[in-house]
């Protein structure tokens, strides 16, 4: 598939679009800090988790940023407490590739 075919394969994804996990899957989340760094955490995303796309992404974007709709509940269950309690903790998000979205999530 050539680069010109990607637009038809992927389409644009807009801010607020929601996707639901079709199955449990292993993911790496990003931890954001009020500092010039980002770290990560690993978790199993439960089947049924709904993600909200955070930002507008062109049809050529390979990675899409999103957050769980139940952000606070998910955070308490999956983001390490030591990170959440840190003074410079600024939140978390996930970056999913288009193939991950296509295989593991469905639009809702």
Protein backbone atom coordinates (compact mmCIF):
# COMPACT_ATOMS: atom_id res chain seq x y z
CA UNK A 1 0.00 0.00 0.00
CA UNK A 2 1.53 3.32 -1.07
CA UNK A 3 1.50 6.51 0.93
CA UNK A 4 -1.33 7.92 -1.22
CA UNK A 5 -3.51 4.94 -0.33
CA UNK A 6 -3.27 5.60 3.41
CA UNK A 7 -5.92 8.33 3.43
CA UNK A 8 -8.53 5.92 2.10
CA UNK A 9 -7.36 3.16 4.47
CA UNK A 10 -7.29 5.26 7.65
CA UNK A 11 -9.52 8.31 7.28
CA UNK A 12 -9.38 11.24 9.66
CA UNK A 13 -10.01 10.86 13.37
CA UNK A 14 -11.49 13.84 15.19
CA UNK A 15 -11.25 15.02 18.77
CA UNK A 16 -13.94 13.39 20.89
CA UNK A 17 -14.32 10.27 18.72
CA UNK A 18 -14.82 7.24 20.97
CA UNK A 19 -13.50 3.71 20.62
CA UNK A 20 -14.20 0.70 22.83
CA UNK A 21 -11.80 -2.14 23.64
CA UNK A 22 -12.96 -5.37 21.99
CA UNK A 23 -10.89 -7.53 24.35
CA UNK A 24 -8.43 -7.22 27.21
CA UNK A 25 -5.07 -6.09 25.83
CA UNK A 26 -1.67 -5.10 27.14
CA UNK A 27 -0.74 -1.43 26.65
CA UNK A 28 1.87 1.11 27.63
CA UNK A 29 0.56 4.44 28.85
CA UNK A 30 2.40 7.74 29.04
CA UNK A 31 2.77 9.62 32.30
CA UNK A 32 2.92 13.38 31.83
CA UNK A 33 4.84 15.58 34.23
CA UNK A 34 5.02 19.29 34.94
CA UNK A 35 8.61 18.95 33.77
CA UNK A 36 10.35 18.31 30.44
CA UNK A 37 9.94 14.54 30.58
CA UNK A 38 7.45 11.77 30.01
CA UNK A 39 7.62 8.31 31.53
CA UNK A 40 5.50 5.21 31.05
CA UNK A 41 3.42 2.61 32.84
CA UNK A 42 2.18 -0.75 31.63
CA UNK A 43 -1.24 -2.20 32.19
CA UNK A 44 -3.90 -4.52 30.85
CA UNK A 45 -6.72 -2.50 29.34
CA UNK A 46 -9.97 -4.24 30.23
CA UNK A 47 -12.45 -5.26 27.55
CA UNK A 48 -15.16 -2.62 27.25
CA UNK A 49 -12.93 0.34 28.19
CA UNK A 50 -13.98 3.37 26.14
CA UNK A 51 -11.28 5.74 24.92
CA UNK A 52 -11.83 9.31 23.76
CA UNK A 53 -9.56 10.69 21.07
CA UNK A 54 -7.68 13.73 22.34
CA UNK A 55 -7.01 16.06 19.40
CA UNK A 56 -7.65 16.00 15.67
CA UNK A 57 -5.49 13.65 13.62
CA UNK A 58 -5.01 13.72 9.88
CA UNK A 59 -5.55 10.69 7.72
CA UNK A 60 -1.77 10.20 7.61
CA UNK A 61 -1.19 10.23 11.38
CA UNK A 62 0.23 6.87 12.43
CA UNK A 63 -0.20 7.32 16.19
CA UNK A 64 -3.37 8.59 17.89
CA UNK A 65 -3.50 10.04 21.42
CA UNK A 66 -6.45 9.13 23.64
CA UNK A 67 -7.64 8.90 27.23
CA UNK A 68 -10.14 6.56 28.87
CA UNK A 69 -13.63 8.04 29.20
CA UNK A 70 -13.63 6.94 32.85
CA UNK A 71 -10.31 8.75 33.30
CA UNK A 72 -10.25 8.99 37.12
CA UNK A 73 -11.44 5.43 37.74
CA UNK A 74 -8.95 4.02 35.21
CA UNK A 75 -6.16 6.15 36.68
CA UNK A 76 -6.74 4.81 40.21
CA UNK A 77 -6.81 1.22 38.97
CA UNK A 78 -3.84 1.31 36.57
CA UNK A 79 -1.47 4.27 37.03
CA UNK A 80 1.02 3.58 39.81
CA UNK A 81 0.13 5.38 43.05
CA UNK A 82 3.70 6.58 43.47
CA UNK A 83 3.37 8.47 40.17
CA UNK A 84 -0.13 9.79 40.88
CA UNK A 85 0.98 11.11 44.26
CA UNK A 86 4.14 12.79 42.93
CA UNK A 87 4.18 16.58 43.15
CA UNK A 88 4.84 17.09 39.43
CA UNK A 89 2.35 14.48 38.15
CA UNK A 90 0.26 16.06 35.38
CA UNK A 91 -1.82 13.13 34.11
CA UNK A 92 -1.59 10.29 31.64
CA UNK A 93 -2.65 9.26 28.16
CA UNK A 94 -2.22 6.48 25.65
CA UNK A 95 -0.76 6.55 22.17
CA UNK A 96 -2.19 3.83 19.96
CA UNK A 97 -1.04 3.06 16.45
CA UNK A 98 -3.61 2.80 13.69
CA UNK A 99 -3.14 -0.99 13.47
CA UNK A 100 -3.80 -1.30 17.23
CA UNK A 101 -6.97 0.78 16.89
CA UNK A 102 -8.08 -1.33 13.95
CA UNK A 103 -7.43 -4.66 15.76
CA UNK A 104 -8.26 -3.92 19.39
CA UNK A 105 -10.90 -1.16 19.35
CA UNK A 106 -14.21 -0.40 17.66
CA UNK A 107 -15.88 2.94 17.12
CA UNK A 108 -18.82 3.64 19.44
